[in-house]
Protein backbone atom coordinates (compact mmCIF):
# COMPACT_ATOMS: atom_id res chain seq x y z
CA MET A 1 -22.77 2.79 -15.38
CA ALA A 2 -22.18 6.16 -17.01
CA ARG A 3 -18.59 7.40 -17.02
CA TYR A 4 -17.53 10.16 -14.69
CA SER A 5 -16.49 13.42 -16.32
CA ALA A 6 -16.40 17.15 -15.68
CA PHE A 7 -19.32 17.55 -18.09
CA ARG A 8 -21.39 15.03 -16.15
CA ILE A 9 -20.63 16.75 -12.84
CA VAL A 10 -21.95 20.00 -14.28
CA MET A 11 -25.08 18.35 -15.73
CA GLU A 12 -25.84 16.48 -12.51
CA GLY A 13 -25.43 19.70 -10.54
CA LEU A 14 -27.95 21.43 -12.79
CA SER A 15 -30.43 18.56 -12.42
CA GLY A 16 -30.23 18.20 -8.63
CA ASN A 17 -27.75 15.29 -8.68
CA ARG A 18 -30.56 12.80 -9.27
CA GLY A 19 -28.75 10.72 -11.89
CA TRP A 20 -25.86 9.33 -9.87
CA GLN A 21 -25.71 5.56 -9.43
CA PRO A 22 -23.75 3.55 -6.82
CA ALA A 23 -20.05 3.34 -7.71
CA TRP A 24 -20.20 -0.47 -7.74
CA ARG A 25 -22.88 -3.15 -7.77
CA LYS A 26 -24.06 -4.90 -4.59
CA PRO A 27 -24.57 -8.48 -5.85
CA THR A 28 -25.61 -11.62 -4.06
CA PRO A 29 -22.72 -14.12 -4.21
CA LYS A 30 -23.01 -16.92 -6.73
CA THR A 31 -22.30 -20.51 -5.80
CA SER A 32 -19.09 -20.65 -7.85
CA TYR A 33 -16.57 -18.42 -9.63
CA ASP A 34 -13.51 -18.87 -11.77
CA VAL A 35 -11.52 -16.90 -9.19
CA VAL A 36 -12.31 -15.87 -5.62
CA VAL A 37 -10.15 -13.12 -4.13
CA ILE A 38 -10.15 -12.98 -0.34
CA GLY A 39 -9.80 -9.37 0.79
CA GLY A 40 -11.55 -6.28 -0.54
CA GLY A 41 -8.78 -3.78 0.13
CA GLY A 42 -6.72 -2.09 -2.53
CA HIS A 43 -4.65 -5.18 -3.35
CA GLY A 44 -7.58 -7.56 -3.64
CA LEU A 45 -9.67 -5.16 -5.73
CA ALA A 46 -6.68 -4.35 -7.94
CA THR A 47 -6.16 -8.07 -8.49
CA ALA A 48 -9.77 -8.42 -9.63
CA HIS A 49 -9.57 -5.34 -11.85
CA TYR A 50 -6.47 -6.55 -13.67
CA LEU A 51 -7.82 -10.10 -13.96
CA ALA A 52 -10.76 -8.61 -15.85
CA SER A 53 -9.05 -5.80 -17.78
CA VAL A 54 -5.75 -7.48 -18.70
CA HIS A 55 -6.55 -11.20 -18.73
CA GLY A 56 -10.24 -11.21 -19.63
CA ILE A 57 -11.28 -13.14 -16.50
CA SER A 58 -14.38 -11.42 -15.14
CA ASN A 59 -16.16 -14.31 -13.39
CA VAL A 60 -14.47 -13.16 -10.20
CA ALA A 61 -15.68 -12.47 -6.66
CA VAL A 62 -13.92 -10.19 -4.19
CA LEU A 63 -14.93 -11.05 -0.63
CA GLU A 64 -14.61 -8.35 2.04
CA ARG A 65 -15.64 -8.95 5.64
CA GLY A 66 -16.48 -5.27 6.21
CA LEU A 67 -17.00 -2.24 3.99
CA ILE A 68 -14.79 -1.33 1.05
CA GLY A 69 -12.15 1.21 2.09
CA GLN A 70 -12.39 0.68 5.84
CA GLY A 71 -9.55 -1.80 6.31
CA ASN A 72 -5.84 -1.17 5.88
CA THR A 73 -6.43 0.74 2.66
CA GLY A 74 -8.04 3.51 4.70
CA ARG A 75 -5.45 3.26 7.50
CA ASN A 76 -2.19 4.52 6.01
CA THR A 77 -0.39 7.76 5.24
CA THR A 78 -1.12 7.76 1.47
CA ILE A 79 2.51 7.95 0.27
CA VAL A 80 3.42 6.83 -3.26
CA ARG A 81 7.07 6.37 -4.28
CA SER A 82 9.58 4.00 -5.91
CA ASN A 83 12.82 5.01 -4.18
CA TYR A 84 14.03 1.54 -3.24
CA LEU A 85 17.57 0.15 -3.30
CA PHE A 86 17.59 -3.42 -4.57
CA PRO A 87 16.65 -4.26 -8.20
CA GLU A 88 13.92 -6.70 -7.16
CA ASN A 89 12.18 -3.89 -5.31
CA HIS A 90 12.86 -0.76 -7.31
CA HIS A 91 11.81 -2.35 -10.63
CA PHE A 92 8.58 -3.53 -8.99
CA TYR A 93 7.79 -0.23 -7.28
CA GLU A 94 8.68 1.77 -10.38
CA HIS A 95 6.16 -0.32 -12.32
CA SER A 96 3.66 0.51 -9.60
CA LEU A 97 4.44 4.23 -9.84
CA LYS A 98 3.91 4.14 -13.61
CA LEU A 99 0.55 2.46 -13.05
CA TRP A 100 -0.29 5.19 -10.50
CA GLU A 101 0.46 7.86 -13.09
CA GLY A 102 -2.29 6.55 -15.38
CA LEU A 103 -4.57 5.07 -12.75
CA GLU A 104 -7.34 7.68 -12.77
CA GLN A 105 -7.82 7.29 -16.53
CA ASP A 106 -7.68 3.50 -16.23
CA LEU A 107 -10.28 3.37 -13.46
CA ASN A 108 -12.36 6.38 -14.54
CA TYR A 109 -12.20 7.49 -10.92
CA ASN A 110 -10.49 10.37 -9.15
CA VAL A 111 -8.01 8.89 -6.66
CA MET A 112 -6.50 12.36 -6.08
CA MET A 113 -3.03 11.32 -7.23
CA SER A 114 -0.65 14.22 -6.49
CA GLN A 115 3.01 13.92 -7.55
CA ARG A 116 4.42 16.54 -5.21
CA GLY A 117 7.70 14.80 -4.46
CA VAL A 118 9.13 12.70 -1.62
CA LEU A 119 12.18 13.96 0.30
CA ASN A 120 14.15 11.66 2.63
CA LEU A 121 16.42 13.73 4.89
CA PHE A 122 19.86 12.63 6.07
CA HIS A 123 21.89 13.94 9.01
CA THR A 124 25.26 12.17 8.94
CA ASP A 125 27.91 11.28 6.40
CA ALA A 126 26.93 7.62 6.68
CA GLN A 127 23.30 8.45 5.89
CA LYS A 128 24.43 10.63 3.00
CA HIS A 129 26.50 7.78 1.56
CA ALA A 130 23.52 5.41 1.89
CA ALA A 131 21.23 7.93 0.18
CA THR A 132 23.78 8.43 -2.59
CA ARG A 133 24.01 4.68 -3.13
CA ARG A 134 20.24 4.39 -3.28
CA GLY A 135 19.93 7.33 -5.67
CA ASN A 136 22.62 5.94 -7.97
CA ALA A 137 20.93 2.53 -8.00
CA MET A 138 17.64 4.21 -8.91
CA GLN A 139 19.17 6.28 -11.72
CA LEU A 140 20.93 3.23 -13.17
CA SER A 141 17.49 1.65 -13.51
CA GLY A 142 15.95 4.74 -15.12
CA ILE A 143 14.19 5.93 -11.96
CA ASP A 144 14.28 9.62 -11.11
CA ALA A 145 16.39 10.59 -8.09
CA GLU A 146 18.02 13.84 -6.98
CA LEU A 147 20.49 14.48 -4.16
CA PHE A 148 19.63 17.69 -2.30
CA ASP A 149 22.14 19.68 -0.31
CA ARG A 150 21.13 21.76 2.69
CA ASP A 151 20.22 24.81 0.60
CA ALA A 152 17.98 22.72 -1.67
CA VAL A 153 16.22 21.28 1.39
CA ARG A 154 15.59 24.81 2.70
CA ALA A 155 14.20 25.90 -0.68
CA TYR A 156 11.88 22.88 -0.85
CA CYS A 157 10.58 23.15 2.73
CA PRO A 158 11.71 26.32 4.54
CA LEU A 159 10.12 25.22 7.84
CA ILE A 160 12.63 22.38 8.34
CA ASP A 161 15.17 23.15 11.07
CA THR A 162 18.30 22.40 9.05
CA ASN A 163 20.57 23.84 11.79
CA ASN A 164 19.18 21.66 14.54
CA GLY A 165 21.98 21.26 17.08
CA ARG A 166 21.20 17.59 17.72
CA PHE A 167 20.01 16.51 14.27
CA PRO A 168 21.62 18.86 11.71
CA VAL A 169 20.21 18.33 8.22
CA LEU A 170 22.95 17.77 5.63
CA GLY A 171 20.60 17.18 2.71
CA GLY A 172 18.17 14.65 1.34
CA LEU A 173 17.32 12.18 -1.41
CA PHE A 174 14.43 13.51 -3.48
CA GLN A 175 12.10 11.69 -5.86
CA ARG A 176 10.14 14.28 -7.78
CA ARG A 177 7.59 11.82 -9.20
CA GLY A 178 6.63 10.55 -5.75
CA GLY A 179 3.70 11.98 -3.85
CA THR A 180 0.36 10.99 -2.37
CA ALA A 181 -3.07 9.65 -3.32
CA ARG A 182 -6.29 9.46 -1.35
CA HIS A 183 -6.24 6.05 0.29
CA ASP A 184 -9.92 5.12 0.47
CA ALA A 185 -10.62 6.58 -2.99
CA VAL A 186 -8.12 4.07 -4.39
CA ALA A 187 -10.20 1.18 -3.03
CA TRP A 188 -13.41 2.79 -4.28
CA GLY A 189 -11.89 3.37 -7.71
CA PHE A 190 -10.73 -0.22 -8.12
CA ALA A 191 -14.12 -1.46 -6.87
CA HIS A 192 -15.87 0.79 -9.40
CA ALA A 193 -13.70 -0.34 -12.32
CA ALA A 194 -13.82 -4.04 -11.42
CA SER A 195 -17.59 -3.96 -10.97
CA GLU A 196 -18.04 -2.35 -14.36
CA ARG A 197 -16.14 -5.27 -15.90
CA GLY A 198 -18.43 -7.84 -14.29
CA VAL A 199 -16.57 -8.61 -11.05
CA ASP A 200 -18.77 -9.22 -8.00
CA VAL A 201 -17.61 -7.05 -5.09
CA ILE A 202 -19.26 -8.60 -2.03
CA GLU A 203 -19.12 -6.70 1.25
CA HIS A 204 -19.88 -8.05 4.74
CA CYS A 205 -18.82 -11.50 3.61
CA GLU A 206 -16.23 -12.94 5.99
CA VAL A 207 -14.20 -15.95 4.89
CA THR A 208 -14.18 -18.57 7.64
CA GLY A 209 -12.35 -21.38 5.85
CA ILE A 210 -10.56 -22.46 2.67
CA ASP A 211 -11.56 -25.82 1.20
CA VAL A 212 -8.60 -27.93 0.08
CA GLU A 213 -9.12 -31.30 -1.64
CA GLY A 214 -6.24 -33.44 -2.82
CA GLY A 215 -3.74 -30.62 -2.39
CA ARG A 216 -5.87 -28.23 -4.44
CA ALA A 217 -7.89 -25.20 -3.30
CA VAL A 218 -11.46 -25.67 -4.51
CA GLY A 219 -13.44 -23.01 -2.69
CA VAL A 220 -14.06 -21.02 0.46
CA ARG A 221 -16.51 -21.04 3.34
CA THR A 222 -18.02 -17.69 4.19
CA SER A 223 -20.56 -16.01 6.44
CA LYS A 224 -22.85 -16.03 3.39
CA GLY A 225 -22.38 -19.70 2.60
CA PRO A 226 -19.87 -21.86 0.70
CA ILE A 227 -18.48 -20.65 -2.63
CA ARG A 228 -16.67 -22.94 -5.08
CA ALA A 229 -13.71 -21.51 -6.94
CA GLY A 230 -11.39 -22.57 -9.72
CA LYS A 231 -8.65 -20.50 -8.11
CA VAL A 232 -8.32 -18.60 -4.84
CA GLY A 233 -6.20 -15.51 -4.17
CA ILE A 234 -5.33 -14.19 -0.71
CA ALA A 235 -4.93 -10.40 -0.33
CA VAL A 236 -5.62 -9.62 3.32
CA ALA A 237 -2.62 -7.53 4.45
CA GLY A 238 -2.06 -7.83 8.21
CA HIS A 239 -4.28 -10.90 8.45
CA THR A 240 -2.25 -12.94 5.94
CA SER A 241 -1.05 -15.43 8.57
CA GLN A 242 -4.59 -16.02 9.85
CA VAL A 243 -6.16 -16.61 6.43
CA ALA A 244 -3.25 -18.74 5.19
CA ALA A 245 -3.65 -20.90 8.29
CA MET A 246 -7.18 -21.74 7.09
CA ALA A 247 -5.49 -23.69 4.28
CA GLY A 248 -2.92 -25.22 6.62
CA LEU A 249 -0.08 -22.87 5.64
CA THR A 250 2.41 -21.21 7.99
CA ILE A 251 3.69 -17.95 6.48
CA ALA A 252 6.83 -16.06 7.54
CA VAL A 253 5.02 -12.89 8.59
CA GLU A 254 4.34 -11.09 11.87
CA SER A 255 1.54 -8.57 12.32
CA HIS A 256 2.37 -5.24 13.96
CA LEU A 257 0.64 -1.90 14.34
CA LEU A 258 1.70 1.08 12.23
CA GLN A 259 0.19 4.29 13.55
CA ALA A 260 -0.72 7.57 11.90
CA TRP A 261 -2.24 10.90 12.90
CA VAL A 262 -3.99 13.81 11.21
CA SER A 263 -4.01 17.41 12.37
CA GLU A 264 -6.46 20.27 12.20
CA GLY A 265 -6.78 21.98 8.83
CA LEU A 266 -4.02 24.53 8.16
CA LYS A 267 -2.92 26.86 5.41
CA PRO A 268 -0.38 25.30 2.99
CA MET A 269 2.93 24.73 4.76
CA ILE A 270 4.42 21.51 3.32
CA ASP A 271 4.42 20.99 -0.43
CA GLY A 272 5.27 17.29 -0.62
CA VAL A 273 6.24 14.36 1.59
CA VAL A 274 9.18 14.72 3.99
CA THR A 275 10.73 11.98 6.10
CA PHE A 276 13.04 12.56 9.06
CA GLY A 277 16.22 10.48 8.95
CA ALA A 278 16.93 10.91 12.67
CA GLY A 279 13.68 9.29 13.77
CA HIS A 280 10.94 7.31 12.07
CA PHE A 281 8.71 10.25 11.19
CA TYR A 282 7.11 11.31 7.91
CA ILE A 283 4.66 14.04 7.07
CA SER A 284 2.62 15.47 4.21
CA GLN A 285 -0.33 17.84 3.87
CA SER A 286 -3.66 16.76 2.46
CA ASP A 287 -5.80 18.71 0.03
CA LYS A 288 -8.06 19.64 2.96
CA GLY A 289 -5.13 21.26 4.76
CA SER A 290 -4.67 18.59 7.41
CA LEU A 291 -1.17 17.37 8.16
CA VAL A 292 -0.86 13.59 7.88
CA PHE A 293 2.05 12.08 9.78
CA GLY A 294 3.20 8.75 11.09
CA GLY A 295 6.06 6.82 12.65
CA GLY A 296 7.37 3.31 13.11
CA LEU A 297 6.00 0.01 14.33
CA ASP A 298 4.98 -0.86 17.84
CA GLY A 299 7.36 -3.48 19.16
CA TYR A 300 4.84 -6.24 19.71
CA ASN A 301 2.41 -8.31 17.66
CA SER A 302 -1.16 -7.03 17.46
CA PHE A 303 -4.30 -6.90 15.32
CA ALA A 304 -5.84 -4.10 17.40
CA GLN A 305 -6.08 -1.21 14.86
CA ARG A 306 -5.64 1.32 17.65
CA GLY A 307 -2.60 3.23 18.72
CA THR A 308 -0.49 3.68 21.83
CA LEU A 309 0.72 6.72 23.75
CA PRO A 310 4.47 5.83 23.67
CA GLU A 311 4.53 5.78 19.87
CA GLY A 312 2.54 9.01 19.77
CA GLU A 313 5.07 10.66 22.07
CA HIS A 314 7.94 9.53 19.83
CA VAL A 315 6.25 10.76 16.67
CA PHE A 316 5.41 14.19 18.11
CA GLN A 317 8.95 14.62 19.44
CA ALA A 318 10.50 13.71 16.10
CA GLY A 319 8.10 16.00 14.25
CA VAL A 320 8.89 19.00 16.41
CA ALA A 321 12.63 18.30 16.13
CA MET A 322 12.33 18.41 12.34
CA ILE A 323 9.81 21.27 12.07
CA PRO A 324 9.57 23.31 15.30
CA ALA A 325 6.37 25.00 14.07
CA LEU A 326 4.55 21.69 14.61
CA SER A 327 4.63 22.32 18.37
CA ARG A 328 1.63 24.60 17.90
CA VAL A 329 -0.37 22.14 15.78
CA ARG A 330 -3.23 20.11 17.28
CA ALA A 331 -3.71 16.47 16.34
CA LEU A 332 -7.37 15.66 15.73
CA ARG A 333 -7.47 11.90 15.29
CA GLN A 334 -5.31 8.80 15.14
CA TRP A 335 -5.50 5.31 13.70
CA ALA A 336 -3.40 2.18 13.23
CA GLY A 337 -3.06 -0.22 10.32
CA VAL A 338 -2.07 -3.86 10.76
CA MET A 339 1.23 -4.47 8.98
CA ASP A 340 2.25 -7.96 7.86
CA MET A 341 6.03 -7.81 8.33
CA THR A 342 8.41 -10.26 6.63
CA PRO A 343 11.97 -11.02 7.80
CA ASP A 344 13.56 -9.05 4.95
CA ALA A 345 10.97 -6.24 4.56
CA SER A 346 10.05 -7.44 1.06
CA PRO A 347 6.67 -8.93 0.09
CA PHE A 348 5.26 -12.19 -1.22
CA ILE A 349 3.39 -12.35 -4.55
CA CYS A 350 3.40 -15.97 -5.55
CA LYS A 351 1.90 -19.39 -5.87
CA THR A 352 1.63 -21.35 -2.64
CA PRO A 353 2.39 -25.03 -1.99
CA ILE A 354 -1.34 -25.66 -2.41
CA GLN A 355 -2.36 -25.86 -6.06
CA ASN A 356 -4.64 -23.04 -7.27
CA LEU A 357 -4.01 -21.01 -4.11
CA TYR A 358 -2.12 -17.75 -4.58
CA MET A 359 -1.24 -14.83 -2.36
CA THR A 360 -0.04 -11.26 -2.14
CA GLY A 361 1.10 -10.22 1.30
CA GLY A 362 3.96 -9.38 3.61
CA TRP A 363 3.89 -5.73 2.58
CA CYS A 364 5.62 -4.24 5.60
CA TYR A 365 5.66 -0.45 5.02
CA GLY A 366 5.15 -0.68 1.25
CA GLY A 367 1.55 -1.82 0.89
CA PHE A 368 -0.25 1.32 -0.23
CA LYS A 369 2.31 2.47 -2.77
CA ALA A 370 2.44 -1.06 -4.19
CA THR A 371 -1.33 -1.36 -4.68
CA PRO A 372 -1.51 -1.23 -8.51
CA ALA A 373 1.57 -3.39 -9.15
CA SER A 374 0.62 -5.88 -6.44
CA GLY A 375 -2.76 -6.40 -8.08
CA TRP A 376 -1.22 -6.45 -11.55
CA CYS A 377 1.38 -9.10 -10.64
CA HIS A 378 -1.03 -11.11 -8.50
CA ALA A 379 -3.52 -11.19 -11.38
CA TRP A 380 -0.77 -12.27 -13.78
CA THR A 381 0.30 -15.09 -11.45
CA ILE A 382 -3.27 -16.30 -10.99
CA ALA A 383 -4.19 -16.11 -14.67
CA ARG A 384 -1.01 -17.76 -15.96
CA ASP A 385 -0.18 -19.95 -12.97
CA ALA A 386 3.33 -18.51 -13.07
CA PRO A 387 4.96 -15.31 -11.80
CA HIS A 388 5.81 -12.29 -13.89
CA PRO A 389 9.52 -11.31 -13.86
CA LEU A 390 8.58 -8.35 -11.64
CA ASN A 391 7.44 -10.64 -8.82
CA ALA A 392 9.53 -13.74 -9.55
CA ALA A 393 11.74 -13.07 -6.50
CA TYR A 394 8.80 -12.57 -4.11
CA THR A 395 8.42 -16.25 -3.24
CA LEU A 396 7.53 -17.98 0.02
CA ASP A 397 10.60 -20.22 -0.09
CA ARG A 398 13.26 -17.55 -0.63
CA PHE A 399 14.43 -17.74 2.98
CA ALA A 400 14.92 -21.50 2.82
CA LYS A 401 17.00 -20.93 -0.32
CA GLY A 402 19.02 -18.08 1.21
CA LYS A 403 17.64 -15.57 -1.30
CA GLY A 404 16.18 -12.94 1.01
CA ILE A 405 15.88 -9.38 -0.34
CA ASP A 406 17.42 -7.43 2.54
CA GLU A 407 15.82 -4.03 1.88
CA LYS A 408 16.16 -3.03 5.53
CA GLY A 409 19.93 -3.63 5.46
CA ALA A 410 19.83 -5.38 8.83
CA GLY A 411 22.11 -8.26 7.95
CA PRO A 412 22.94 -11.00 5.43
CA PHE A 413 20.79 -13.61 7.14
CA PHE A 414 17.04 -13.45 7.47
CA TRP A 415 17.20 -14.54 11.12
CA ALA A 416 19.29 -11.45 11.86
CA GLN A 417 16.51 -9.03 10.87
């Protein structure tokens, strides 16, 4: 496939756009591969890309039960950041952010990466102290972080009601290198790059079983027939527990809905990403002018991919409390992603108790921003049959060992989350 470039766009425009080819191949699955990756979202496709580009393993199939870009990858709020507290997480997410910064050149695909900044507001002294602790931890690890006072918040986003009588804004923690990327374009870009390196990206191919012989994964059963595999990787986001169960594994994850909304197109009003510390609400503005905003989890398990009115009411109330001008904005559409939540809000990227079966999952709220590093570390673990230091703590047995990574700060014990 010819590389994308500004010159080629001009030439294709002059010739009636007759020279464009599909972004990735549409192959018929082979009977066997060195590696089969279950899940054609961002994480699965990134795994395949880095297996081929970093480790030279291109006899790889990515199996997706639907279309590329229409699962969880296309059902999020597009935020990219690395402002985490604990070393296990902020080193990993900073690696991901660095991969994001060069991703378009690596993939030869425009994922619309926009480093406009991420601002987390705080409203109380306790929240300010927590933000200061997080910012100091980030700076000690070489990650950019700035503490904004109220005046700096006003300068960054004048529409925020900093003098709100109920939720006064005292300041915020700002990461200037954070921002957004177009969610579905990320999946398309990884599919394009992986396909160019010889990976088979197979759509409409649902995995119905994982074949295990003598404690070793040897292949998968699919809607297009059985496929043998030297190694199998699981990257299925909110369906991690269901796919792992096909191999007889019980994983410490619960699946919940995380909802998001998009508004009508508006003139520029919000430069970056802003989150509201008084309620789970976050907002940014897309290149098309639409406001993209979301909230927290529904309080029950579900795979439904559709939202609920109570969460919508909460999100709209929080949004108007933070930016009163939003009361005049119309929401056009809504969606829900299926989040695989772990007890400590940190993920799994690891080997499993079954030989030659690996997984990346349990991404909680961090799945989209982690996409490049998740694939990079998952590919490393598959290729070398051992974790990289960046994902060495993301094991399945960390709770049994008392080594949970309590990013949510809900308690010292995983059963207290």
